[in-house]
N, C-alpha and C. Protein backbone atom coordinates (compact mmCIF):
# COMPACT_ATOMS: atom_id res chain seq x y z
N UNK A 1 15.48 15.82 15.81
CA UNK A 1 14.96 15.35 14.55
C UNK A 1 14.39 16.54 13.78
N UNK A 2 14.83 16.70 12.57
CA UNK A 2 14.38 17.82 11.74
C UNK A 2 12.96 17.57 11.24
N UNK A 3 12.08 18.55 11.48
CA UNK A 3 10.70 18.46 10.99
C UNK A 3 10.20 19.86 10.70
N UNK A 4 9.10 19.92 9.98
CA UNK A 4 8.47 21.21 9.73
C UNK A 4 6.97 21.04 9.67
N UNK A 5 6.26 22.05 10.13
CA UNK A 5 4.80 22.05 10.08
C UNK A 5 4.35 23.08 9.06
N UNK A 6 3.33 22.73 8.31
CA UNK A 6 2.80 23.66 7.32
C UNK A 6 1.35 23.29 7.01
N UNK A 7 0.67 24.22 6.36
CA UNK A 7 -0.70 23.97 5.94
C UNK A 7 -0.74 23.84 4.42
N UNK A 8 -1.64 22.99 3.95
CA UNK A 8 -1.84 22.81 2.53
C UNK A 8 -3.34 22.66 2.29
N UNK A 9 -3.84 23.31 1.25
CA UNK A 9 -5.25 23.17 0.90
C UNK A 9 -5.40 21.99 -0.05
N UNK A 10 -6.20 21.02 0.37
CA UNK A 10 -6.48 19.84 -0.44
C UNK A 10 -7.91 19.92 -0.98
N UNK A 11 -8.10 19.46 -2.20
CA UNK A 11 -9.43 19.29 -2.76
C UNK A 11 -9.69 17.79 -2.78
N UNK A 12 -10.66 17.35 -1.95
CA UNK A 12 -10.88 15.92 -1.77
C UNK A 12 -12.37 15.61 -1.70
N UNK A 13 -12.68 14.36 -2.02
CA UNK A 13 -14.06 13.89 -1.86
C UNK A 13 -14.15 13.01 -0.62
N UNK A 14 -15.34 12.56 -0.33
CA UNK A 14 -15.57 11.78 0.89
C UNK A 14 -14.74 10.50 0.90
N UNK A 15 -14.72 9.76 -0.21
CA UNK A 15 -13.98 8.49 -0.22
C UNK A 15 -12.48 8.72 -0.04
N UNK A 16 -11.95 9.76 -0.66
CA UNK A 16 -10.52 10.06 -0.48
C UNK A 16 -10.22 10.39 0.97
N UNK A 17 -11.10 11.13 1.61
CA UNK A 17 -10.91 11.46 3.02
C UNK A 17 -10.96 10.20 3.89
N UNK A 18 -11.90 9.31 3.59
CA UNK A 18 -11.97 8.04 4.33
C UNK A 18 -10.70 7.24 4.13
N UNK A 19 -10.18 7.22 2.90
CA UNK A 19 -8.94 6.49 2.62
C UNK A 19 -7.75 7.11 3.35
N UNK A 20 -7.71 8.44 3.41
CA UNK A 20 -6.64 9.12 4.15
C UNK A 20 -6.68 8.74 5.63
N UNK A 21 -7.87 8.78 6.20
CA UNK A 21 -8.02 8.43 7.61
C UNK A 21 -7.60 6.98 7.84
N UNK A 22 -8.05 6.09 6.97
CA UNK A 22 -7.71 4.67 7.07
C UNK A 22 -6.18 4.49 7.03
N UNK A 23 -5.55 5.14 6.07
CA UNK A 23 -4.09 5.00 5.91
C UNK A 23 -3.35 5.52 7.13
N UNK A 24 -3.71 6.71 7.59
CA UNK A 24 -3.00 7.28 8.74
C UNK A 24 -3.26 6.47 10.00
N UNK A 25 -4.48 5.99 10.17
CA UNK A 25 -4.79 5.16 11.33
C UNK A 25 -3.96 3.88 11.32
N UNK A 26 -3.77 3.28 10.15
CA UNK A 26 -2.97 2.05 10.09
C UNK A 26 -1.48 2.33 10.28
N UNK A 27 -1.02 3.50 9.87
CA UNK A 27 0.36 3.86 10.19
C UNK A 27 0.54 3.87 11.70
N UNK A 28 -0.45 4.41 12.40
CA UNK A 28 -0.36 4.43 13.86
C UNK A 28 -0.50 3.02 14.44
N UNK A 29 -1.55 2.30 14.04
CA UNK A 29 -1.81 0.97 14.63
C UNK A 29 -0.72 -0.04 14.28
N UNK A 30 -0.42 -0.17 12.98
CA UNK A 30 0.55 -1.19 12.54
C UNK A 30 1.99 -0.73 12.71
N UNK A 31 2.22 0.58 12.62
CA UNK A 31 3.57 1.09 12.74
C UNK A 31 3.96 1.42 14.16
N UNK A 32 3.28 2.38 14.75
CA UNK A 32 3.65 2.87 16.08
C UNK A 32 3.31 1.88 17.19
N UNK A 33 2.12 1.33 17.16
CA UNK A 33 1.67 0.48 18.28
C UNK A 33 2.17 -0.95 18.16
N UNK A 34 1.96 -1.58 17.01
CA UNK A 34 2.23 -3.02 16.89
C UNK A 34 3.55 -3.36 16.22
N UNK A 35 4.20 -2.37 15.62
CA UNK A 35 5.49 -2.60 14.93
C UNK A 35 5.38 -3.78 13.95
N UNK A 36 4.33 -3.75 13.13
CA UNK A 36 4.06 -4.84 12.18
C UNK A 36 4.18 -4.29 10.76
N UNK A 37 5.38 -4.35 10.21
CA UNK A 37 5.64 -3.79 8.89
C UNK A 37 4.83 -4.49 7.81
N UNK A 38 4.78 -5.82 7.85
CA UNK A 38 4.00 -6.55 6.84
C UNK A 38 2.51 -6.20 6.93
N UNK A 39 2.01 -6.07 8.15
CA UNK A 39 0.62 -5.67 8.34
C UNK A 39 0.35 -4.28 7.78
N UNK A 40 1.30 -3.36 7.98
CA UNK A 40 1.15 -2.01 7.47
C UNK A 40 1.13 -2.01 5.94
N UNK A 41 2.04 -2.75 5.33
CA UNK A 41 2.08 -2.83 3.87
C UNK A 41 0.76 -3.40 3.35
N UNK A 42 0.28 -4.45 3.99
CA UNK A 42 -0.98 -5.06 3.57
C UNK A 42 -2.15 -4.08 3.71
N UNK A 43 -2.22 -3.38 4.82
CA UNK A 43 -3.30 -2.41 5.04
C UNK A 43 -3.25 -1.28 4.01
N UNK A 44 -2.07 -0.76 3.76
CA UNK A 44 -1.94 0.37 2.83
C UNK A 44 -2.18 -0.04 1.38
N UNK A 45 -2.02 -1.32 1.08
CA UNK A 45 -2.21 -1.76 -0.31
C UNK A 45 -3.66 -1.60 -0.77
N UNK A 46 -4.59 -1.42 0.17
CA UNK A 46 -5.99 -1.23 -0.22
C UNK A 46 -6.32 0.23 -0.53
N UNK A 47 -5.39 1.15 -0.25
CA UNK A 47 -5.64 2.58 -0.48
C UNK A 47 -4.46 3.26 -1.18
N UNK A 48 -3.85 2.58 -2.12
CA UNK A 48 -2.64 3.11 -2.76
C UNK A 48 -2.87 4.44 -3.47
N UNK A 49 -4.08 4.68 -3.94
CA UNK A 49 -4.35 5.90 -4.69
C UNK A 49 -4.22 7.17 -3.87
N UNK A 50 -4.27 7.08 -2.56
CA UNK A 50 -4.26 8.27 -1.72
C UNK A 50 -2.91 8.48 -1.01
N UNK A 51 -1.99 7.54 -1.14
CA UNK A 51 -0.75 7.60 -0.36
C UNK A 51 0.08 8.85 -0.63
N UNK A 52 0.18 9.25 -1.89
CA UNK A 52 0.96 10.45 -2.20
C UNK A 52 0.30 11.68 -1.61
N UNK A 53 -1.03 11.73 -1.63
CA UNK A 53 -1.74 12.89 -1.08
C UNK A 53 -1.47 13.05 0.40
N UNK A 54 -1.56 11.96 1.14
CA UNK A 54 -1.42 12.08 2.60
C UNK A 54 0.03 12.03 3.06
N UNK A 55 0.83 11.13 2.52
CA UNK A 55 2.18 10.92 3.04
C UNK A 55 3.30 11.48 2.16
N UNK A 56 2.98 11.89 0.93
CA UNK A 56 3.99 12.32 -0.05
C UNK A 56 4.82 11.15 -0.56
N UNK A 57 4.36 9.94 -0.37
CA UNK A 57 5.09 8.75 -0.81
C UNK A 57 4.14 7.87 -1.64
N UNK A 58 4.66 7.20 -2.70
CA UNK A 58 3.77 6.58 -3.68
C UNK A 58 3.31 5.14 -3.43
N UNK A 59 4.03 4.35 -2.66
CA UNK A 59 3.65 2.94 -2.54
C UNK A 59 3.62 2.49 -1.09
N UNK A 60 2.86 1.43 -0.80
CA UNK A 60 2.82 0.91 0.57
C UNK A 60 4.19 0.54 1.12
N UNK A 61 5.03 -0.08 0.31
CA UNK A 61 6.36 -0.47 0.77
C UNK A 61 7.21 0.75 1.13
N UNK A 62 7.16 1.77 0.29
CA UNK A 62 7.96 2.97 0.56
C UNK A 62 7.45 3.68 1.82
N UNK A 63 6.12 3.74 1.99
CA UNK A 63 5.56 4.34 3.20
C UNK A 63 6.01 3.55 4.43
N UNK A 64 5.89 2.23 4.38
CA UNK A 64 6.27 1.39 5.52
C UNK A 64 7.76 1.54 5.83
N UNK A 65 8.60 1.55 4.81
CA UNK A 65 10.04 1.74 5.04
C UNK A 65 10.30 3.09 5.72
N UNK A 66 9.63 4.14 5.25
CA UNK A 66 9.82 5.47 5.84
C UNK A 66 9.34 5.50 7.29
N UNK A 67 8.19 4.89 7.56
CA UNK A 67 7.65 4.88 8.92
C UNK A 67 8.61 4.17 9.86
N UNK A 68 9.09 2.99 9.48
CA UNK A 68 9.95 2.23 10.38
C UNK A 68 11.35 2.85 10.50
N UNK A 69 11.84 3.49 9.46
CA UNK A 69 13.10 4.23 9.57
C UNK A 69 12.95 5.42 10.50
N UNK A 70 11.83 6.12 10.37
CA UNK A 70 11.57 7.26 11.24
C UNK A 70 11.43 6.82 12.69
N UNK A 71 10.70 5.75 12.93
CA UNK A 71 10.54 5.23 14.29
C UNK A 71 11.89 4.87 14.91
N UNK A 72 12.78 4.30 14.11
CA UNK A 72 14.10 3.92 14.62
C UNK A 72 14.94 5.14 14.99
N UNK A 73 14.68 6.27 14.33
CA UNK A 73 15.49 7.46 14.55
C UNK A 73 14.95 8.37 15.65
N UNK A 74 13.67 8.25 15.98
CA UNK A 74 13.06 9.14 16.97
C UNK A 74 13.40 8.72 18.40
N UNK A 75 13.61 9.69 19.25
CA UNK A 75 13.75 9.43 20.68
C UNK A 75 12.38 9.02 21.22
N UNK A 76 12.34 8.29 22.35
CA UNK A 76 11.06 7.83 22.89
C UNK A 76 10.03 8.95 23.09
N UNK A 77 10.45 10.09 23.62
CA UNK A 77 9.49 11.18 23.82
C UNK A 77 9.00 11.74 22.48
N UNK A 78 9.85 11.75 21.47
CA UNK A 78 9.45 12.21 20.14
C UNK A 78 8.42 11.26 19.52
N UNK A 79 8.61 9.96 19.75
CA UNK A 79 7.63 8.97 19.26
C UNK A 79 6.27 9.20 19.91
N UNK A 80 6.28 9.47 21.21
CA UNK A 80 5.02 9.72 21.92
C UNK A 80 4.31 10.95 21.38
N UNK A 81 5.06 12.02 21.18
CA UNK A 81 4.47 13.26 20.68
C UNK A 81 3.91 13.05 19.27
N UNK A 82 4.70 12.43 18.40
CA UNK A 82 4.23 12.18 17.04
C UNK A 82 3.03 11.26 17.03
N UNK A 83 3.05 10.23 17.86
CA UNK A 83 1.91 9.32 17.95
C UNK A 83 0.63 10.06 18.31
N UNK A 84 0.72 10.97 19.28
CA UNK A 84 -0.46 11.76 19.67
C UNK A 84 -0.92 12.66 18.52
N UNK A 85 0.02 13.23 17.80
CA UNK A 85 -0.35 14.10 16.68
C UNK A 85 -1.02 13.30 15.57
N UNK A 86 -0.54 12.10 15.32
CA UNK A 86 -1.15 11.24 14.30
C UNK A 86 -2.57 10.88 14.71
N UNK A 87 -2.76 10.52 15.97
CA UNK A 87 -4.10 10.18 16.47
C UNK A 87 -5.02 11.39 16.38
N UNK A 88 -4.51 12.57 16.72
CA UNK A 88 -5.32 13.79 16.60
C UNK A 88 -5.73 14.04 15.15
N UNK A 89 -4.82 13.81 14.23
CA UNK A 89 -5.14 13.97 12.81
C UNK A 89 -6.22 13.01 12.36
N UNK A 90 -6.15 11.76 12.83
CA UNK A 90 -7.18 10.76 12.51
C UNK A 90 -8.53 11.21 13.06
N UNK A 91 -8.54 11.69 14.28
CA UNK A 91 -9.77 12.16 14.91
C UNK A 91 -10.37 13.33 14.14
N UNK A 92 -9.53 14.27 13.73
CA UNK A 92 -10.02 15.41 12.95
C UNK A 92 -10.59 14.96 11.62
N UNK A 93 -9.92 14.03 10.95
CA UNK A 93 -10.45 13.53 9.68
C UNK A 93 -11.81 12.87 9.90
N UNK A 94 -11.97 12.17 11.02
CA UNK A 94 -13.25 11.55 11.34
C UNK A 94 -14.35 12.60 11.48
N UNK A 95 -14.03 13.73 12.08
CA UNK A 95 -14.99 14.82 12.22
C UNK A 95 -15.41 15.36 10.86
N UNK A 96 -14.46 15.50 9.94
CA UNK A 96 -14.78 16.00 8.60
C UNK A 96 -15.58 14.95 7.83
N UNK A 97 -15.28 13.68 8.01
CA UNK A 97 -16.07 12.62 7.38
C UNK A 97 -17.52 12.71 7.84
N UNK A 98 -17.70 12.89 9.13
CA UNK A 98 -19.06 13.03 9.67
C UNK A 98 -19.77 14.24 9.06
N UNK A 99 -19.05 15.35 8.91
CA UNK A 99 -19.63 16.54 8.28
C UNK A 99 -20.06 16.22 6.85
N UNK A 100 -19.17 15.55 6.09
CA UNK A 100 -19.47 15.16 4.72
C UNK A 100 -20.74 14.30 4.68
N UNK A 101 -20.83 13.33 5.56
CA UNK A 101 -21.97 12.42 5.57
C UNK A 101 -23.26 13.14 5.96
N UNK A 102 -23.16 14.18 6.77
CA UNK A 102 -24.33 14.97 7.16
C UNK A 102 -24.70 16.03 6.13
N UNK A 103 -23.87 16.22 5.13
CA UNK A 103 -24.09 17.21 4.07
C UNK A 103 -23.91 16.55 2.70
N UNK A 104 -24.79 15.60 2.35
CA UNK A 104 -24.59 14.82 1.12
C UNK A 104 -24.73 15.64 -0.16
N UNK A 105 -25.18 16.88 -0.07
CA UNK A 105 -25.28 17.71 -1.26
C UNK A 105 -23.90 18.10 -1.80
N UNK A 106 -22.86 17.94 -0.99
CA UNK A 106 -21.51 18.29 -1.40
C UNK A 106 -20.75 17.04 -1.85
N UNK A 107 -20.06 17.18 -2.99
CA UNK A 107 -19.27 16.05 -3.49
C UNK A 107 -17.77 16.26 -3.33
N UNK A 108 -17.35 17.49 -3.11
CA UNK A 108 -15.94 17.82 -2.91
C UNK A 108 -15.83 18.94 -1.88
N UNK A 109 -14.70 18.98 -1.20
CA UNK A 109 -14.39 20.13 -0.35
C UNK A 109 -12.96 20.56 -0.61
N UNK A 110 -12.72 21.83 -0.32
CA UNK A 110 -11.36 22.35 -0.23
C UNK A 110 -11.14 22.58 1.25
N UNK A 111 -10.11 21.96 1.79
CA UNK A 111 -9.86 22.05 3.23
C UNK A 111 -8.38 22.31 3.48
N UNK A 112 -8.12 23.22 4.41
CA UNK A 112 -6.74 23.50 4.82
C UNK A 112 -6.37 22.49 5.90
N UNK A 113 -5.42 21.66 5.58
CA UNK A 113 -4.96 20.66 6.55
C UNK A 113 -3.55 21.00 7.00
N UNK A 114 -3.29 20.75 8.26
CA UNK A 114 -1.94 20.93 8.80
C UNK A 114 -1.19 19.62 8.69
N UNK A 115 0.04 19.72 8.26
CA UNK A 115 0.90 18.56 8.12
C UNK A 115 2.16 18.74 8.95
N UNK A 116 2.67 17.64 9.44
CA UNK A 116 3.98 17.59 10.07
C UNK A 116 4.85 16.72 9.17
N UNK A 117 5.90 17.32 8.65
CA UNK A 117 6.75 16.63 7.68
C UNK A 117 8.14 16.38 8.27
N UNK A 118 8.67 15.23 7.95
CA UNK A 118 10.05 14.87 8.28
C UNK A 118 10.81 14.81 6.96
N UNK A 119 11.45 15.92 6.56
CA UNK A 119 12.05 16.00 5.23
C UNK A 119 13.14 14.96 4.97
N UNK A 120 13.86 14.55 6.01
CA UNK A 120 14.91 13.55 5.80
C UNK A 120 14.33 12.20 5.41
N UNK A 121 13.05 12.01 5.65
CA UNK A 121 12.38 10.74 5.33
C UNK A 121 11.31 10.93 4.25
N UNK A 122 11.20 12.14 3.72
CA UNK A 122 10.18 12.48 2.71
C UNK A 122 8.80 12.02 3.15
N UNK A 123 8.50 12.18 4.42
CA UNK A 123 7.28 11.63 5.02
C UNK A 123 6.53 12.73 5.74
N UNK A 124 5.19 12.71 5.62
CA UNK A 124 4.38 13.68 6.35
C UNK A 124 3.13 13.01 6.89
N UNK A 125 2.53 13.67 7.89
CA UNK A 125 1.31 13.18 8.54
C UNK A 125 0.34 14.34 8.70
N UNK A 126 -0.96 14.05 8.61
CA UNK A 126 -1.98 15.06 8.92
C UNK A 126 -2.02 15.23 10.43
N UNK A 127 -1.89 16.48 10.88
CA UNK A 127 -1.96 16.74 12.32
C UNK A 127 -3.21 17.52 12.70
N UNK A 128 -3.80 18.22 11.73
CA UNK A 128 -5.04 18.96 12.01
C UNK A 128 -5.77 19.18 10.70
N UNK A 129 -7.07 18.98 10.72
CA UNK A 129 -7.87 19.19 9.52
C UNK A 129 -9.34 19.16 9.84
N UNK A 130 -9.76 19.94 10.82
CA UNK A 130 -11.14 19.89 11.28
C UNK A 130 -12.07 20.71 10.39
N UNK A 131 -13.37 20.65 10.67
CA UNK A 131 -14.36 21.30 9.82
C UNK A 131 -14.20 22.82 9.77
N UNK A 132 -13.58 23.41 10.77
CA UNK A 132 -13.36 24.86 10.72
C UNK A 132 -12.34 25.26 9.65
N UNK A 133 -11.69 24.29 9.06
CA UNK A 133 -10.71 24.56 8.01
C UNK A 133 -11.28 24.32 6.60
N UNK A 134 -12.57 23.99 6.48
CA UNK A 134 -13.18 23.84 5.16
C UNK A 134 -13.34 25.23 4.57
N UNK A 135 -12.71 25.47 3.42
CA UNK A 135 -12.76 26.80 2.81
C UNK A 135 -13.77 26.88 1.67
N UNK A 136 -14.18 25.73 1.12
CA UNK A 136 -15.18 25.71 0.06
C UNK A 136 -15.76 24.31 -0.04
N UNK A 137 -17.00 24.27 -0.51
CA UNK A 137 -17.68 22.99 -0.72
C UNK A 137 -18.32 23.02 -2.10
N UNK A 138 -18.28 21.90 -2.79
CA UNK A 138 -18.75 21.83 -4.17
C UNK A 138 -20.05 21.06 -4.27
N UNK A 139 -20.99 21.60 -5.05
CA UNK A 139 -22.25 20.92 -5.38
C UNK A 139 -22.38 20.91 -6.90
N UNK A 140 -23.52 20.41 -7.38
CA UNK A 140 -23.77 20.43 -8.82
C UNK A 140 -23.74 21.85 -9.39
N UNK A 141 -24.06 22.83 -8.54
CA UNK A 141 -24.09 24.22 -8.98
C UNK A 141 -22.75 24.92 -8.93
N UNK A 142 -21.71 24.26 -8.48
CA UNK A 142 -20.39 24.86 -8.41
C UNK A 142 -19.89 24.97 -6.97
N UNK A 143 -18.85 25.74 -6.80
CA UNK A 143 -18.20 25.91 -5.50
C UNK A 143 -18.93 26.94 -4.66
N UNK A 144 -19.08 26.64 -3.38
CA UNK A 144 -19.64 27.59 -2.42
C UNK A 144 -18.54 27.94 -1.43
N UNK A 145 -18.26 29.23 -1.31
CA UNK A 145 -17.19 29.69 -0.42
C UNK A 145 -17.75 30.34 0.81
């Protein structure tokens, strides 16, 4: 299966990060674990504004179609590896959310996140984005690097 890994710097706020984590977690729960396409579409419909940022896809239906097409094409061991990477990405986002909540003086961050992309499906997932990748944080006084 053709894939590529790369880093991208995102400028995001706390709510966007929470929405990204929620969306990726539901891709794992509803897609990988439970194989519930309708459940995935329903879950993603609450965070449509962030779908392009995290997955490169614009709507819940398109994300769900891509997830289930990708799952059908992956070998069992590839599904296991991708599932672990998705869970790791969710965990890392949780760590950054905790950092944000412990540092309320910041309203935005610039963070280098690692993505795993499947170009044949125009789909990507966050695989790493921990606090050591925060390159700047924004306050009322501007950006701190």
